[in-house]
Amino acid sequence: MVDNLGNIEMRYHQVNDKDELMTGICKSTPEIRENGKIRLHENWEWTSGDKSKGTSIIEEQ
């Protein structure tokens, strides 16, 4: 889901290197940089496994 400010809320799943299916949620806030490229500030949480939480920054190259 993307709100009217461009914030992204998503649910995801992936298979890890142990062939385990992992699920999680993530909320991303976009930042448009001076060069026009996008930087995402993310707060994520695993909804399976150890249910850890964290933050990430993803930048367009």
PDB file of N, CA and C in Angstrom:
ATOM      1  N   MET A   1       0.843  -1.164   0.000  1.00  0.00           N
ATOM      2  CA  MET A   1       0.000   0.000   0.000  1.00  0.00           C
ATOM      3  C   MET A   1       0.899   1.241   0.000  1.00  0.00           C
ATOM      4  N   VAL A   2       0.498   2.253  -0.746  1.00  0.00           N
ATOM      5  CA  VAL A   2       1.206   3.530  -0.768  1.00  0.00           C
ATOM      6  C   VAL A   2       0.209   4.619  -0.378  1.00  0.00           C
ATOM      7  N   ASP A   3       0.560   5.425   0.636  1.00  0.00           N
ATOM      8  CA  ASP A   3      -0.360   6.485   1.054  1.00  0.00           C
ATOM      9  C   ASP A   3      -0.145   7.742   0.206  1.00  0.00           C
ATOM     10  N   ASN A   4      -0.910   8.795   0.484  1.00  0.00           N
ATOM     11  CA  ASN A   4      -0.857  10.011  -0.326  1.00  0.00           C
ATOM     12  C   ASN A   4       0.455  10.786  -0.177  1.00  0.00           C
ATOM     13  N   LEU A   5       1.298  10.437   0.795  1.00  0.00           N
ATOM     14  CA  LEU A   5       2.612  11.060   0.950  1.00  0.00           C
ATOM     15  C   LEU A   5       3.723  10.211   0.335  1.00  0.00           C
ATOM     16  N   GLY A   6       3.345   9.069  -0.240  1.00  0.00           N
ATOM     17  CA  GLY A   6       4.324   8.188  -0.859  1.00  0.00           C
ATOM     18  C   GLY A   6       4.933   7.160   0.069  1.00  0.00           C
ATOM     19  N   ASN A   7       4.485   7.113   1.340  1.00  0.00           N
ATOM     20  CA  ASN A   7       4.981   6.103   2.265  1.00  0.00           C
ATOM     21  C   ASN A   7       4.472   4.733   1.829  1.00  0.00           C
ATOM     22  N   ILE A   8       5.327   3.735   1.941  1.00  0.00           N
ATOM     23  CA  ILE A   8       5.016   2.387   1.471  1.00  0.00           C
ATOM     24  C   ILE A   8       4.885   1.458   2.671  1.00  0.00           C
ATOM     25  N   GLU A   9       3.810   0.684   2.700  1.00  0.00           N
ATOM     26  CA  GLU A   9       3.635  -0.347   3.716  1.00  0.00           C
ATOM     27  C   GLU A   9       3.491  -1.670   2.977  1.00  0.00           C
ATOM     28  N   MET A  10       4.360  -2.639   3.301  1.00  0.00           N
ATOM     29  CA  MET A  10       4.341  -3.899   2.566  1.00  0.00           C
ATOM     30  C   MET A  10       4.515  -5.100   3.477  1.00  0.00           C
ATOM     31  N   ARG A  11       4.100  -6.220   2.967  1.00  0.00           N
ATOM     32  CA  ARG A  11       4.342  -7.520   3.593  1.00  0.00           C
ATOM     33  C   ARG A  11       5.147  -8.320   2.587  1.00  0.00           C
ATOM     34  N   TYR A  12       6.063  -9.133   3.078  1.00  0.00           N
ATOM     35  CA  TYR A  12       6.927  -9.868   2.154  1.00  0.00           C
ATOM     36  C   TYR A  12       7.229 -11.259   2.690  1.00  0.00           C
ATOM     37  N   HIS A  13       7.721 -12.092   1.798  1.00  0.00           N
ATOM     38  CA  HIS A  13       8.204 -13.410   2.190  1.00  0.00           C
ATOM     39  C   HIS A  13       9.431 -13.732   1.344  1.00  0.00           C
ATOM     40  N   GLN A  14      10.284 -14.555   1.892  1.00  0.00           N
ATOM     41  CA  GLN A  14      11.479 -14.986   1.188  1.00  0.00           C
ATOM     42  C   GLN A  14      11.903 -16.343   1.716  1.00  0.00           C
ATOM     43  N   VAL A  15      12.676 -17.041   0.920  1.00  0.00           N
ATOM     44  CA  VAL A  15      13.265 -18.302   1.341  1.00  0.00           C
ATOM     45  C   VAL A  15      14.735 -18.017   1.655  1.00  0.00           C
ATOM     46  N   ASN A  16      15.165 -18.341   2.876  1.00  0.00           N
ATOM     47  CA  ASN A  16      16.548 -18.054   3.265  1.00  0.00           C
ATOM     48  C   ASN A  16      17.496 -19.159   2.799  1.00  0.00           C
ATOM     49  N   ASP A  17      18.767 -19.041   3.149  1.00  0.00           N
ATOM     50  CA  ASP A  17      19.767 -20.005   2.687  1.00  0.00           C
ATOM     51  C   ASP A  17      19.643 -21.376   3.353  1.00  0.00           C
ATOM     52  N   LYS A  18      18.719 -21.509   4.314  1.00  0.00           N
ATOM     53  CA  LYS A  18      18.428 -22.810   4.942  1.00  0.00           C
ATOM     54  C   LYS A  18      17.137 -23.407   4.388  1.00  0.00           C
ATOM     55  N   ASP A  19      16.619 -22.816   3.287  1.00  0.00           N
ATOM     56  CA  ASP A  19      15.357 -23.221   2.663  1.00  0.00           C
ATOM     57  C   ASP A  19      14.148 -23.041   3.578  1.00  0.00           C
ATOM     58  N   GLU A  20      14.221 -22.071   4.504  1.00  0.00           N
ATOM     59  CA  GLU A  20      13.101 -21.767   5.395  1.00  0.00           C
ATOM     60  C   GLU A  20      12.320 -20.591   4.808  1.00  0.00           C
ATOM     61  N   LEU A  21      10.998 -20.692   4.810  1.00  0.00           N
ATOM     62  CA  LEU A  21      10.155 -19.590   4.377  1.00  0.00           C
ATOM     63  C   LEU A  21      10.042 -18.595   5.522  1.00  0.00           C
ATOM     64  N   MET A  22      10.420 -17.342   5.267  1.00  0.00           N
ATOM     65  CA  MET A  22      10.380 -16.284   6.265  1.00  0.00           C
ATOM     66  C   MET A  22       9.389 -15.220   5.801  1.00  0.00           C
ATOM     67  N   THR A  23       8.667 -14.605   6.754  1.00  0.00           N
ATOM     68  CA  THR A  23       7.707 -13.557   6.431  1.00  0.00           C
ATOM     69  C   THR A  23       8.021 -12.310   7.252  1.00  0.00           C
ATOM     70  N   GLY A  24       7.617 -11.162   6.711  1.00  0.00           N
ATOM     71  CA  GLY A  24       7.875  -9.926   7.428  1.00  0.00           C
ATOM     72  C   GLY A  24       7.014  -8.782   6.936  1.00  0.00           C
ATOM     73  N   ILE A  25       7.134  -7.657   7.645  1.00  0.00           N
ATOM     74  CA  ILE A  25       6.454  -6.419   7.264  1.00  0.00           C
ATOM     75  C   ILE A  25       7.479  -5.298   7.220  1.00  0.00           C
ATOM     76  N   CYS A  26       7.194  -4.284   6.410  1.00  0.00           N
ATOM     77  CA  CYS A  26       8.123  -3.167   6.268  1.00  0.00           C
ATOM     78  C   CYS A  26       7.343  -1.892   5.982  1.00  0.00           C
ATOM     79  N   LYS A  27       7.774  -0.804   6.598  1.00  0.00           N
ATOM     80  CA  LYS A  27       7.238   0.526   6.309  1.00  0.00           C
ATOM     81  C   LYS A  27       8.401   1.371   5.805  1.00  0.00           C
ATOM     82  N   SER A  28       8.249   1.918   4.591  1.00  0.00           N
ATOM     83  CA  SER A  28       9.311   2.693   3.958  1.00  0.00           C
ATOM     84  C   SER A  28       8.854   4.128   3.730  1.00  0.00           C
ATOM     85  N   THR A  29       9.721   5.067   4.079  1.00  0.00           N
ATOM     86  CA  THR A  29       9.464   6.485   3.843  1.00  0.00           C
ATOM     87  C   THR A  29      10.440   6.965   2.785  1.00  0.00           C
ATOM     88  N   PRO A  30       9.925   7.448   1.641  1.00  0.00           N
ATOM     89  CA  PRO A  30      10.820   7.883   0.572  1.00  0.00           C
ATOM     90  C   PRO A  30      11.370   9.288   0.821  1.00  0.00           C
ATOM     91  N   GLU A  31      12.574   9.491   0.340  1.00  0.00           N
ATOM     92  CA  GLU A  31      13.214  10.811   0.352  1.00  0.00           C
ATOM     93  C   GLU A  31      13.735  11.034  -1.065  1.00  0.00           C
ATOM     94  N   ILE A  32      13.345  12.140  -1.676  1.00  0.00           N
ATOM     95  CA  ILE A  32      13.866  12.481  -2.999  1.00  0.00           C
ATOM     96  C   ILE A  32      15.110  13.339  -2.782  1.00  0.00           C
ATOM     97  N   ARG A  33      16.241  12.835  -3.244  1.00  0.00           N
ATOM     98  CA  ARG A  33      17.519  13.517  -3.032  1.00  0.00           C
ATOM     99  C   ARG A  33      17.690  14.660  -4.028  1.00  0.00           C
ATOM    100  N   GLU A  34      18.653  15.535  -3.785  1.00  0.00           N
ATOM    101  CA  GLU A  34      18.900  16.684  -4.653  1.00  0.00           C
ATOM    102  C   GLU A  34      19.177  16.280  -6.091  1.00  0.00           C
ATOM    103  N   ASN A  35      19.768  15.102  -6.277  1.00  0.00           N
ATOM    104  CA  ASN A  35      20.074  14.627  -7.634  1.00  0.00           C
ATOM    105  C   ASN A  35      18.873  13.928  -8.288  1.00  0.00           C
ATOM    106  N   GLY A  36      17.711  13.924  -7.604  1.00  0.00           N
ATOM    107  CA  GLY A  36      16.495  13.333  -8.145  1.00  0.00           C
ATOM    108  C   GLY A  36      16.337  11.855  -7.855  1.00  0.00           C
ATOM    109  N   LYS A  37      17.346  11.246  -7.270  1.00  0.00           N
ATOM    110  CA  LYS A  37      17.268   9.821  -6.956  1.00  0.00           C
ATOM    111  C   LYS A  37      16.558   9.611  -5.625  1.00  0.00           C
ATOM    112  N   ILE A  38      16.063   8.405  -5.422  1.00  0.00           N
ATOM    113  CA  ILE A  38      15.236   8.088  -4.254  1.00  0.00           C
ATOM    114  C   ILE A  38      16.045   7.354  -3.190  1.00  0.00           C
ATOM    115  N   ARG A  39      15.814   7.724  -1.948  1.00  0.00           N
ATOM    116  CA  ARG A  39      16.364   7.024  -0.781  1.00  0.00           C
ATOM    117  C   ARG A  39      15.162   6.581   0.055  1.00  0.00           C
ATOM    118  N   LEU A  40      15.129   5.296   0.416  1.00  0.00           N
ATOM    119  CA  LEU A  40      14.052   4.764   1.261  1.00  0.00           C
ATOM    120  C   LEU A  40      14.569   4.529   2.672  1.00  0.00           C
ATOM    121  N   HIS A  41      13.862   5.065   3.656  1.00  0.00           N
ATOM    122  CA  HIS A  41      14.153   4.840   5.075  1.00  0.00           C
ATOM    123  C   HIS A  41      13.151   3.795   5.545  1.00  0.00           C
ATOM    124  N   GLU A  42      13.659   2.615   5.939  1.00  0.00           N
ATOM    125  CA  GLU A  42      12.783   1.487   6.218  1.00  0.00           C
ATOM    126  C   GLU A  42      12.828   1.045   7.679  1.00  0.00           C
ATOM    127  N   ASN A  43      11.664   0.700   8.196  1.00  0.00           N
ATOM    128  CA  ASN A  43      11.511   0.030   9.487  1.00  0.00           C
ATOM    129  C   ASN A  43      10.878  -1.310   9.180  1.00  0.00           C
ATOM    130  N   TRP A  44      11.578  -2.382   9.512  1.00  0.00           N
ATOM    131  CA  TRP A  44      11.109  -3.723   9.158  1.00  0.00           C
ATOM    132  C   TRP A  44      11.031  -4.605  10.397  1.00  0.00           C
ATOM    133  N   GLU A  45      10.263  -5.672  10.234  1.00  0.00           N
ATOM    134  CA  GLU A  45      10.094  -6.634  11.323  1.00  0.00           C
ATOM    135  C   GLU A  45       9.775  -8.002  10.729  1.00  0.00           C
ATOM    136  N   TRP A  46      10.501  -9.009  11.190  1.00  0.00           N
ATOM    137  CA  TRP A  46      10.161 -10.382  10.800  1.00  0.00           C
ATOM    138  C   TRP A  46       8.905 -10.780  11.565  1.00  0.00           C
ATOM    139  N   THR A  47       7.949 -11.387  10.866  1.00  0.00           N
ATOM    140  CA  THR A  47       6.740 -11.896  11.520  1.00  0.00           C
ATOM    141  C   THR A  47       6.840 -13.403  11.719  1.00  0.00           C
ATOM    142  N   SER A  48       7.979 -13.964  11.390  1.00  0.00           N
ATOM    143  CA  SER A  48       8.266 -15.381  11.631  1.00  0.00           C
ATOM    144  C   SER A  48       9.677 -15.460  12.219  1.00  0.00           C
ATOM    145  N   GLY A  49      10.111 -16.654  12.545  1.00  0.00           N
ATOM    146  CA  GLY A  49      11.463 -16.823  13.087  1.00  0.00           C
ATOM    147  C   GLY A  49      11.619 -16.106  14.411  1.00  0.00           C
ATOM    148  N   ASP A  50      12.716 -15.353  14.547  1.00  0.00           N
ATOM    149  CA  ASP A  50      13.008 -14.683  15.828  1.00  0.00           C
ATOM    150  C   ASP A  50      12.246 -13.382  16.025  1.00  0.00           C
ATOM    151  N   LYS A  51      11.475 -12.970  15.024  1.00  0.00           N
ATOM    152  CA  LYS A  51      10.646 -11.754  15.085  1.00  0.00           C
ATOM    153  C   LYS A  51      11.458 -10.503  15.407  1.00  0.00           C
ATOM    154  N   SER A  52      12.696 -10.477  14.937  1.00  0.00           N
ATOM    155  CA  SER A  52      13.543  -9.307  15.158  1.00  0.00           C
ATOM    156  C   SER A  52      13.050  -8.111  14.349  1.00  0.00           C
ATOM    157  N   LYS A  53      13.537  -6.925  14.734  1.00  0.00           N
ATOM    158  CA  LYS A  53      13.178  -5.667  14.094  1.00  0.00           C
ATOM    159  C   LYS A  53      14.451  -4.927  13.731  1.00  0.00           C
ATOM    160  N   GLY A  54      14.331  -4.004  12.780  1.00  0.00           N
ATOM    161  CA  GLY A  54      15.498  -3.212  12.437  1.00  0.00           C
ATOM    162  C   GLY A  54      15.149  -2.084  11.489  1.00  0.00           C
ATOM    163  N   THR A  55      16.178  -1.373  11.088  1.00  0.00           N
ATOM    164  CA  THR A  55      16.024  -0.283  10.132  1.00  0.00           C
ATOM    165  C   THR A  55      17.038  -0.481   9.018  1.00  0.00           C
ATOM    166  N   SER A  56      16.696   0.037   7.850  1.00  0.00           N
ATOM    167  CA  SER A  56      17.577  -0.023   6.689  1.00  0.00           C
ATOM    168  C   SER A  56      17.404   1.260   5.891  1.00  0.00           C
ATOM    169  N   ILE A  57      18.427   1.596   5.136  1.00  0.00           N
ATOM    170  CA  ILE A  57      18.340   2.677   4.160  1.00  0.00           C
ATOM    171  C   ILE A  57      18.748   2.095   2.821  1.00  0.00           C
ATOM    172  N   ILE A  58      17.877   2.280   1.833  1.00  0.00           N
ATOM    173  CA  ILE A  58      18.127   1.791   0.480  1.00  0.00           C
ATOM    174  C   ILE A  58      18.196   3.006  -0.431  1.00  0.00           C
ATOM    175  N   GLU A  59      19.266   3.091  -1.215  1.00  0.00           N
ATOM    176  CA  GLU A  59      19.451   4.235  -2.111  1.00  0.00           C
ATOM    177  C   GLU A  59      19.524   3.816  -3.564  1.00  0.00           C
ATOM    178  N   GLU A  60      18.848   4.584  -4.399  1.00  0.00           N
ATOM    179  CA  GLU A  60      18.941   4.388  -5.834  1.00  0.00           C
ATOM    180  C   GLU A  60      20.332   4.829  -6.289  1.00  0.00           C
ATOM    181  N   GLN A  61      20.942   4.039  -7.139  1.00  0.00           N
ATOM    182  CA  GLN A  61      22.293   4.375  -7.634  1.00  0.00           C
ATOM    183  C   GLN A  61      22.244   5.025  -8.993  1.00  0.00           C
TER     184      GLN A  61
END
